[in-house]
N, C-alpha and C. Protein backbone atom coordinates (compact mmCIF):
# COMPACT_ATOMS: atom_id res chain seq x y z
N MET A 1 10.76 19.97 16.67
CA MET A 1 11.68 18.93 16.27
C MET A 1 10.91 17.64 16.03
N THR A 2 11.13 17.03 14.89
CA THR A 2 10.45 15.79 14.53
C THR A 2 11.23 14.61 15.06
N PRO A 3 10.57 13.68 15.80
CA PRO A 3 11.29 12.51 16.28
C PRO A 3 11.77 11.66 15.11
N GLN A 4 12.95 11.08 15.24
CA GLN A 4 13.53 10.25 14.20
C GLN A 4 13.58 8.81 14.65
N LEU A 5 13.28 7.88 13.74
CA LEU A 5 13.44 6.46 14.02
C LEU A 5 14.90 6.10 13.82
N ASP A 6 15.46 5.35 14.72
CA ASP A 6 16.83 4.88 14.57
C ASP A 6 16.79 3.68 13.64
N PRO A 7 17.39 3.78 12.42
CA PRO A 7 17.30 2.68 11.46
C PRO A 7 18.03 1.42 11.93
N ARG A 8 18.86 1.53 12.97
CA ARG A 8 19.57 0.36 13.48
C ARG A 8 18.69 -0.48 14.38
N LEU A 9 17.61 0.10 14.88
CA LEU A 9 16.72 -0.63 15.78
C LEU A 9 15.75 -1.47 14.96
N PRO A 10 15.50 -2.71 15.37
CA PRO A 10 14.54 -3.53 14.63
C PRO A 10 13.13 -3.00 14.85
N ALA A 11 12.34 -3.10 13.81
CA ALA A 11 10.94 -2.72 13.93
C ALA A 11 10.23 -3.79 14.75
N SER A 12 9.28 -3.37 15.59
CA SER A 12 8.54 -4.36 16.35
C SER A 12 7.67 -5.15 15.39
N GLN A 13 7.64 -6.44 15.57
CA GLN A 13 6.89 -7.31 14.67
C GLN A 13 5.54 -7.67 15.28
N PRO A 14 4.50 -7.63 14.48
CA PRO A 14 3.21 -8.07 14.97
C PRO A 14 3.23 -9.59 15.15
N SER A 15 2.30 -10.08 15.95
CA SER A 15 2.25 -11.52 16.21
C SER A 15 1.82 -12.31 14.98
N THR A 16 1.09 -11.68 14.07
CA THR A 16 0.70 -12.32 12.82
C THR A 16 1.18 -11.44 11.67
N PRO A 17 1.41 -12.02 10.51
CA PRO A 17 1.88 -11.23 9.38
C PRO A 17 0.88 -10.14 8.99
N ILE A 18 1.41 -9.04 8.49
CA ILE A 18 0.57 -7.97 7.96
C ILE A 18 0.05 -8.41 6.59
N GLU A 19 -1.24 -8.25 6.38
CA GLU A 19 -1.83 -8.55 5.07
C GLU A 19 -1.77 -7.26 4.26
N ILE A 20 -0.96 -7.27 3.20
CA ILE A 20 -0.77 -6.09 2.36
C ILE A 20 -1.34 -6.39 0.98
N LEU A 21 -2.16 -5.48 0.48
CA LEU A 21 -2.61 -5.57 -0.91
C LEU A 21 -1.84 -4.52 -1.70
N LEU A 22 -1.02 -4.97 -2.64
CA LEU A 22 -0.29 -4.09 -3.54
C LEU A 22 -1.03 -4.06 -4.86
N VAL A 23 -1.47 -2.89 -5.26
CA VAL A 23 -2.18 -2.72 -6.52
C VAL A 23 -1.21 -2.01 -7.47
N GLU A 24 -0.61 -2.80 -8.33
CA GLU A 24 0.52 -2.32 -9.14
C GLU A 24 0.58 -3.09 -10.45
N ASP A 25 0.76 -2.40 -11.56
CA ASP A 25 0.82 -3.09 -12.85
C ASP A 25 2.24 -3.26 -13.38
N SER A 26 3.23 -2.72 -12.69
CA SER A 26 4.62 -2.84 -13.13
C SER A 26 5.30 -4.02 -12.45
N GLU A 27 5.65 -5.04 -13.24
CA GLU A 27 6.29 -6.24 -12.67
C GLU A 27 7.60 -5.92 -11.96
N PRO A 28 8.48 -5.07 -12.52
CA PRO A 28 9.71 -4.74 -11.78
C PRO A 28 9.43 -4.07 -10.43
N ASP A 29 8.42 -3.20 -10.37
CA ASP A 29 8.08 -2.55 -9.09
C ASP A 29 7.51 -3.56 -8.10
N ILE A 30 6.77 -4.54 -8.58
CA ILE A 30 6.23 -5.59 -7.71
C ILE A 30 7.39 -6.37 -7.09
N ILE A 31 8.34 -6.77 -7.91
CA ILE A 31 9.48 -7.55 -7.43
C ILE A 31 10.32 -6.75 -6.45
N LEU A 32 10.60 -5.49 -6.77
CA LEU A 32 11.37 -4.64 -5.86
C LEU A 32 10.66 -4.44 -4.53
N THR A 33 9.35 -4.28 -4.59
CA THR A 33 8.57 -4.10 -3.35
C THR A 33 8.66 -5.35 -2.49
N GLN A 34 8.50 -6.51 -3.10
CA GLN A 34 8.60 -7.77 -2.35
C GLN A 34 9.98 -7.90 -1.69
N GLU A 35 11.03 -7.62 -2.46
CA GLU A 35 12.39 -7.75 -1.94
C GLU A 35 12.67 -6.74 -0.83
N ALA A 36 12.21 -5.51 -1.01
CA ALA A 36 12.46 -4.48 0.00
C ALA A 36 11.74 -4.78 1.30
N PHE A 37 10.50 -5.25 1.24
CA PHE A 37 9.79 -5.63 2.46
C PHE A 37 10.50 -6.77 3.17
N ALA A 38 10.96 -7.75 2.41
CA ALA A 38 11.69 -8.87 3.00
C ALA A 38 12.97 -8.39 3.67
N GLU A 39 13.71 -7.52 2.99
CA GLU A 39 14.95 -6.98 3.53
C GLU A 39 14.71 -6.15 4.79
N ALA A 40 13.56 -5.46 4.83
CA ALA A 40 13.22 -4.63 5.99
C ALA A 40 12.75 -5.47 7.17
N GLY A 41 12.57 -6.76 6.94
CA GLY A 41 12.11 -7.63 8.01
C GLY A 41 10.63 -7.52 8.27
N VAL A 42 9.89 -7.05 7.28
CA VAL A 42 8.44 -6.90 7.43
C VAL A 42 7.80 -8.26 7.19
N THR A 43 7.27 -8.85 8.25
CA THR A 43 6.58 -10.13 8.13
C THR A 43 5.22 -9.83 7.51
N ASN A 44 5.05 -10.25 6.26
CA ASN A 44 3.81 -9.89 5.58
C ASN A 44 3.37 -10.97 4.61
N ASN A 45 2.12 -10.88 4.28
CA ASN A 45 1.55 -11.63 3.17
C ASN A 45 1.23 -10.57 2.13
N LEU A 46 2.05 -10.50 1.09
CA LEU A 46 1.87 -9.49 0.05
C LEU A 46 1.02 -10.08 -1.07
N HIS A 47 -0.15 -9.52 -1.24
CA HIS A 47 -1.08 -9.94 -2.29
C HIS A 47 -1.00 -8.88 -3.39
N VAL A 48 -0.97 -9.30 -4.63
CA VAL A 48 -0.80 -8.37 -5.74
C VAL A 48 -1.97 -8.47 -6.70
N THR A 49 -2.52 -7.31 -7.02
CA THR A 49 -3.46 -7.21 -8.13
C THR A 49 -2.88 -6.19 -9.10
N ARG A 50 -3.18 -6.33 -10.37
CA ARG A 50 -2.48 -5.53 -11.38
C ARG A 50 -3.30 -4.40 -11.99
N ASP A 51 -4.51 -4.19 -11.50
CA ASP A 51 -5.30 -3.03 -11.93
C ASP A 51 -6.42 -2.81 -10.92
N GLY A 52 -7.12 -1.70 -11.09
CA GLY A 52 -8.16 -1.33 -10.14
C GLY A 52 -9.34 -2.27 -10.10
N VAL A 53 -9.73 -2.80 -11.24
CA VAL A 53 -10.87 -3.73 -11.29
C VAL A 53 -10.53 -4.99 -10.48
N GLU A 54 -9.34 -5.51 -10.72
CA GLU A 54 -8.89 -6.70 -9.99
C GLU A 54 -8.78 -6.41 -8.48
N ALA A 55 -8.32 -5.22 -8.13
CA ALA A 55 -8.20 -4.85 -6.72
C ALA A 55 -9.56 -4.86 -6.03
N LEU A 56 -10.56 -4.32 -6.68
CA LEU A 56 -11.89 -4.30 -6.08
C LEU A 56 -12.47 -5.71 -5.97
N GLU A 57 -12.18 -6.56 -6.93
CA GLU A 57 -12.62 -7.96 -6.81
C GLU A 57 -11.96 -8.61 -5.60
N PHE A 58 -10.68 -8.34 -5.39
CA PHE A 58 -9.96 -8.87 -4.22
C PHE A 58 -10.61 -8.36 -2.93
N LEU A 59 -10.82 -7.06 -2.86
CA LEU A 59 -11.36 -6.45 -1.65
C LEU A 59 -12.79 -6.90 -1.34
N ARG A 60 -13.54 -7.16 -2.38
CA ARG A 60 -14.93 -7.61 -2.21
C ARG A 60 -15.06 -9.13 -2.19
N ARG A 61 -13.91 -9.81 -2.31
CA ARG A 61 -13.86 -11.28 -2.31
C ARG A 61 -14.76 -11.87 -3.38
N GLN A 62 -14.54 -11.41 -4.59
CA GLN A 62 -15.33 -11.88 -5.74
C GLN A 62 -14.46 -12.72 -6.67
N GLY A 63 -15.10 -13.58 -7.43
CA GLY A 63 -14.40 -14.39 -8.43
C GLY A 63 -13.28 -15.21 -7.82
N PRO A 64 -12.09 -15.13 -8.39
CA PRO A 64 -10.98 -15.95 -7.89
C PRO A 64 -10.49 -15.52 -6.50
N TYR A 65 -11.01 -14.41 -5.99
CA TYR A 65 -10.57 -13.89 -4.70
C TYR A 65 -11.57 -14.13 -3.56
N ARG A 66 -12.45 -15.10 -3.73
CA ARG A 66 -13.50 -15.31 -2.72
C ARG A 66 -12.95 -15.68 -1.35
N LEU A 67 -11.72 -16.20 -1.28
CA LEU A 67 -11.10 -16.55 0.00
C LEU A 67 -10.02 -15.55 0.42
N ALA A 68 -9.97 -14.41 -0.24
CA ALA A 68 -8.94 -13.41 0.04
C ALA A 68 -9.09 -12.85 1.45
N PRO A 69 -7.96 -12.61 2.12
CA PRO A 69 -8.03 -11.99 3.45
C PRO A 69 -8.31 -10.49 3.33
N ARG A 70 -8.79 -9.93 4.40
CA ARG A 70 -8.96 -8.47 4.45
C ARG A 70 -7.58 -7.86 4.65
N PRO A 71 -7.17 -6.95 3.77
CA PRO A 71 -5.85 -6.34 3.94
C PRO A 71 -5.79 -5.44 5.17
N ASP A 72 -4.61 -5.39 5.78
CA ASP A 72 -4.36 -4.44 6.87
C ASP A 72 -3.99 -3.08 6.29
N VAL A 73 -3.46 -3.10 5.07
CA VAL A 73 -3.08 -1.87 4.38
C VAL A 73 -3.11 -2.13 2.88
N ILE A 74 -3.42 -1.07 2.13
CA ILE A 74 -3.43 -1.14 0.67
C ILE A 74 -2.38 -0.17 0.16
N LEU A 75 -1.52 -0.66 -0.73
CA LEU A 75 -0.56 0.19 -1.44
C LEU A 75 -1.07 0.31 -2.87
N LEU A 76 -1.39 1.52 -3.27
CA LEU A 76 -2.15 1.74 -4.49
C LEU A 76 -1.44 2.67 -5.46
N ASP A 77 -1.16 2.15 -6.66
CA ASP A 77 -0.59 2.96 -7.73
C ASP A 77 -1.70 3.80 -8.35
N ILE A 78 -1.34 4.90 -8.97
CA ILE A 78 -2.35 5.74 -9.64
C ILE A 78 -2.54 5.33 -11.09
N ASN A 79 -1.44 5.21 -11.81
CA ASN A 79 -1.50 4.98 -13.26
C ASN A 79 -1.57 3.49 -13.57
N MET A 80 -2.79 3.02 -13.82
CA MET A 80 -3.02 1.60 -14.11
C MET A 80 -4.07 1.46 -15.21
N PRO A 81 -4.06 0.32 -15.89
CA PRO A 81 -5.09 0.08 -16.91
C PRO A 81 -6.46 -0.20 -16.27
N ARG A 82 -7.48 -0.09 -17.06
CA ARG A 82 -8.88 -0.40 -16.73
C ARG A 82 -9.49 0.54 -15.72
N MET A 83 -8.88 0.74 -14.57
CA MET A 83 -9.41 1.64 -13.54
C MET A 83 -8.22 2.20 -12.78
N ASN A 84 -8.06 3.51 -12.78
CA ASN A 84 -6.87 4.07 -12.14
C ASN A 84 -7.00 4.11 -10.62
N GLY A 85 -5.90 4.38 -9.97
CA GLY A 85 -5.84 4.34 -8.51
C GLY A 85 -6.73 5.35 -7.81
N LEU A 86 -6.89 6.54 -8.41
CA LEU A 86 -7.76 7.53 -7.79
C LEU A 86 -9.22 7.08 -7.82
N GLU A 87 -9.61 6.41 -8.89
CA GLU A 87 -10.97 5.85 -8.96
C GLU A 87 -11.15 4.75 -7.93
N VAL A 88 -10.15 3.89 -7.80
CA VAL A 88 -10.21 2.81 -6.81
C VAL A 88 -10.29 3.38 -5.40
N LEU A 89 -9.45 4.38 -5.12
CA LEU A 89 -9.45 5.01 -3.80
C LEU A 89 -10.83 5.57 -3.46
N SER A 90 -11.46 6.22 -4.42
CA SER A 90 -12.79 6.78 -4.20
C SER A 90 -13.80 5.68 -3.86
N VAL A 91 -13.76 4.58 -4.58
CA VAL A 91 -14.68 3.46 -4.30
C VAL A 91 -14.42 2.91 -2.90
N ILE A 92 -13.15 2.70 -2.55
CA ILE A 92 -12.80 2.15 -1.23
C ILE A 92 -13.32 3.05 -0.12
N LYS A 93 -13.09 4.34 -0.25
CA LYS A 93 -13.43 5.27 0.83
C LYS A 93 -14.92 5.59 0.91
N HIS A 94 -15.68 5.14 -0.08
CA HIS A 94 -17.14 5.29 -0.03
C HIS A 94 -17.85 3.98 0.32
N ASP A 95 -17.09 2.93 0.53
CA ASP A 95 -17.65 1.63 0.87
C ASP A 95 -17.50 1.42 2.38
N PRO A 96 -18.61 1.32 3.13
CA PRO A 96 -18.53 1.18 4.58
C PRO A 96 -17.73 -0.05 5.04
N ASN A 97 -17.65 -1.07 4.18
CA ASN A 97 -16.90 -2.28 4.54
C ASN A 97 -15.41 -2.15 4.29
N LEU A 98 -15.00 -1.16 3.52
CA LEU A 98 -13.60 -1.02 3.14
C LEU A 98 -12.96 0.28 3.61
N MET A 99 -13.76 1.26 3.93
CA MET A 99 -13.25 2.61 4.17
C MET A 99 -12.22 2.73 5.29
N THR A 100 -12.21 1.81 6.23
CA THR A 100 -11.26 1.92 7.34
C THR A 100 -9.89 1.29 7.03
N ILE A 101 -9.74 0.68 5.87
CA ILE A 101 -8.44 0.10 5.52
C ILE A 101 -7.51 1.25 5.11
N PRO A 102 -6.39 1.42 5.81
CA PRO A 102 -5.46 2.48 5.42
C PRO A 102 -4.97 2.25 3.99
N THR A 103 -5.06 3.29 3.18
CA THR A 103 -4.67 3.20 1.78
C THR A 103 -3.57 4.21 1.50
N ILE A 104 -2.42 3.68 1.11
CA ILE A 104 -1.26 4.52 0.83
C ILE A 104 -1.05 4.55 -0.67
N MET A 105 -1.02 5.75 -1.21
CA MET A 105 -0.75 5.91 -2.63
C MET A 105 0.75 5.72 -2.81
N LEU A 106 1.14 4.79 -3.67
CA LEU A 106 2.54 4.48 -3.96
C LEU A 106 2.69 4.55 -5.47
N THR A 107 3.17 5.67 -5.96
CA THR A 107 3.08 5.96 -7.38
C THR A 107 4.26 6.77 -7.88
N THR A 108 4.46 6.76 -9.19
CA THR A 108 5.52 7.58 -9.79
C THR A 108 5.08 9.02 -9.97
N SER A 109 3.81 9.30 -9.85
CA SER A 109 3.30 10.65 -10.08
C SER A 109 3.64 11.58 -8.91
N ALA A 110 4.35 12.65 -9.24
CA ALA A 110 4.63 13.68 -8.25
C ALA A 110 3.79 14.93 -8.53
N ALA A 111 2.79 14.78 -9.38
CA ALA A 111 1.94 15.91 -9.76
C ALA A 111 1.13 16.40 -8.57
N ASP A 112 1.18 17.71 -8.34
CA ASP A 112 0.44 18.31 -7.22
C ASP A 112 -1.04 17.95 -7.28
N GLU A 113 -1.60 17.91 -8.48
CA GLU A 113 -3.02 17.59 -8.63
C GLU A 113 -3.32 16.17 -8.13
N ASP A 114 -2.46 15.21 -8.45
CA ASP A 114 -2.66 13.83 -7.98
C ASP A 114 -2.53 13.73 -6.47
N ILE A 115 -1.56 14.44 -5.92
CA ILE A 115 -1.36 14.44 -4.47
C ILE A 115 -2.59 15.03 -3.78
N LEU A 116 -3.05 16.18 -4.25
CA LEU A 116 -4.22 16.83 -3.67
C LEU A 116 -5.46 15.95 -3.79
N ARG A 117 -5.70 15.39 -4.98
CA ARG A 117 -6.88 14.54 -5.18
C ARG A 117 -6.82 13.29 -4.30
N SER A 118 -5.64 12.76 -4.09
CA SER A 118 -5.49 11.57 -3.24
C SER A 118 -5.87 11.89 -1.79
N TYR A 119 -5.36 12.99 -1.28
CA TYR A 119 -5.69 13.35 0.10
C TYR A 119 -7.16 13.77 0.23
N GLN A 120 -7.70 14.42 -0.79
CA GLN A 120 -9.12 14.76 -0.76
C GLN A 120 -9.99 13.52 -0.73
N ALA A 121 -9.50 12.43 -1.33
CA ALA A 121 -10.23 11.16 -1.35
C ALA A 121 -9.87 10.29 -0.15
N HIS A 122 -9.14 10.86 0.81
CA HIS A 122 -8.84 10.21 2.09
C HIS A 122 -7.74 9.15 2.04
N ALA A 123 -6.74 9.36 1.19
CA ALA A 123 -5.55 8.50 1.25
C ALA A 123 -4.87 8.73 2.59
N ALA A 124 -4.32 7.67 3.16
CA ALA A 124 -3.62 7.79 4.44
C ALA A 124 -2.26 8.47 4.25
N SER A 125 -1.61 8.20 3.13
CA SER A 125 -0.30 8.78 2.82
C SER A 125 -0.12 8.79 1.31
N TYR A 126 0.85 9.57 0.87
CA TYR A 126 1.18 9.64 -0.55
C TYR A 126 2.69 9.52 -0.67
N VAL A 127 3.16 8.44 -1.30
CA VAL A 127 4.58 8.18 -1.46
C VAL A 127 4.91 8.14 -2.94
N VAL A 128 5.85 9.00 -3.35
CA VAL A 128 6.30 9.00 -4.74
C VAL A 128 7.41 7.96 -4.88
N LYS A 129 7.21 7.03 -5.82
CA LYS A 129 8.22 5.99 -6.06
C LYS A 129 9.42 6.62 -6.76
N PRO A 130 10.58 6.54 -6.14
CA PRO A 130 11.77 7.04 -6.82
C PRO A 130 12.10 6.18 -8.03
N ILE A 131 12.75 6.78 -9.01
CA ILE A 131 13.10 6.06 -10.24
C ILE A 131 14.36 5.21 -10.04
N GLU A 132 15.32 5.70 -9.28
CA GLU A 132 16.56 4.97 -9.07
C GLU A 132 16.31 3.76 -8.19
N PHE A 133 16.95 2.64 -8.52
CA PHE A 133 16.77 1.38 -7.80
C PHE A 133 17.04 1.52 -6.31
N ASP A 134 18.21 2.04 -5.93
CA ASP A 134 18.58 2.13 -4.52
C ASP A 134 17.63 3.02 -3.73
N THR A 135 17.20 4.11 -4.34
CA THR A 135 16.28 5.03 -3.66
C THR A 135 14.89 4.41 -3.52
N PHE A 136 14.45 3.71 -4.56
CA PHE A 136 13.15 3.02 -4.49
C PHE A 136 13.18 1.97 -3.39
N TYR A 137 14.25 1.20 -3.36
CA TYR A 137 14.42 0.15 -2.36
C TYR A 137 14.40 0.74 -0.95
N ALA A 138 15.11 1.85 -0.76
CA ALA A 138 15.15 2.51 0.55
C ALA A 138 13.77 3.05 0.94
N ALA A 139 13.03 3.57 -0.04
CA ALA A 139 11.69 4.10 0.25
C ALA A 139 10.74 2.99 0.69
N ILE A 140 10.78 1.84 0.03
CA ILE A 140 9.92 0.72 0.41
C ILE A 140 10.34 0.18 1.77
N HIS A 141 11.63 0.10 2.00
CA HIS A 141 12.16 -0.35 3.30
C HIS A 141 11.61 0.56 4.41
N ALA A 142 11.70 1.87 4.20
CA ALA A 142 11.21 2.84 5.19
C ALA A 142 9.70 2.72 5.36
N LEU A 143 8.98 2.50 4.28
CA LEU A 143 7.53 2.34 4.35
C LEU A 143 7.17 1.12 5.19
N GLY A 144 7.90 0.03 5.00
CA GLY A 144 7.66 -1.18 5.80
C GLY A 144 7.90 -0.94 7.27
N ARG A 145 8.98 -0.26 7.59
CA ARG A 145 9.27 0.07 8.99
C ARG A 145 8.19 0.99 9.56
N TYR A 146 7.74 1.94 8.77
CA TYR A 146 6.69 2.86 9.17
C TYR A 146 5.41 2.10 9.52
N MET A 147 5.06 1.13 8.67
CA MET A 147 3.84 0.36 8.91
C MET A 147 3.95 -0.48 10.18
N LEU A 148 5.14 -0.97 10.48
CA LEU A 148 5.33 -1.80 11.66
C LEU A 148 5.51 -1.00 12.94
N SER A 149 6.19 0.12 12.86
CA SER A 149 6.60 0.85 14.06
C SER A 149 5.62 1.93 14.50
N ILE A 150 4.90 2.52 13.56
CA ILE A 150 4.13 3.69 13.90
C ILE A 150 2.63 3.50 13.69
N VAL A 151 2.25 2.94 12.57
CA VAL A 151 0.84 2.88 12.18
C VAL A 151 0.06 1.88 13.01
N ARG A 152 -1.09 2.26 13.46
CA ARG A 152 -2.04 1.35 14.11
C ARG A 152 -3.32 1.44 13.31
N SER A 153 -3.83 0.29 12.94
CA SER A 153 -5.01 0.22 12.09
C SER A 153 -6.20 -0.33 12.87
N PRO A 154 -7.41 0.13 12.49
CA PRO A 154 -8.59 -0.44 13.11
C PRO A 154 -8.83 -1.85 12.60
N GLY A 155 -9.61 -2.60 13.32
CA GLY A 155 -9.99 -3.93 12.87
C GLY A 155 -11.00 -3.85 11.75
N PRO A 156 -11.52 -4.99 11.32
CA PRO A 156 -12.51 -5.01 10.23
C PRO A 156 -13.72 -4.14 10.51
N GLY A 157 -14.20 -3.56 9.42
CA GLY A 157 -15.47 -2.92 9.41
C GLY A 157 -15.59 -1.57 9.86
């Protein structure tokens, strides 16, 4: 029997906001994600990059991101311009300075090949973004609660 979280119970809040890096090129999905985290009561600093190249600049604190915080978690889309999410995931998980950051694939792709390749590249989780607004909102809400209630992440490095 799998334990169930009671959705009526508030998620425990960390003493400082969670630093989340959302790597997403869809503006509507960015807005929905921001709103769903806020509705879920997830105290966070949501940083957004719109492709894989920009995400790596953020993570490496290069260019305009030289003062960027280290994310506590990365939410990574697969289908993006310039550098796709699977390529970014591979770079992250081969970089000793980044490999311990939990990386959750958050994508519209339900393809078995993408799921398998993501886990082979050490994704922490794979979440398929639902197409319907209410279902997408509920999925992000649940993801926020999951990050607050269950997940424990290592510190830097």
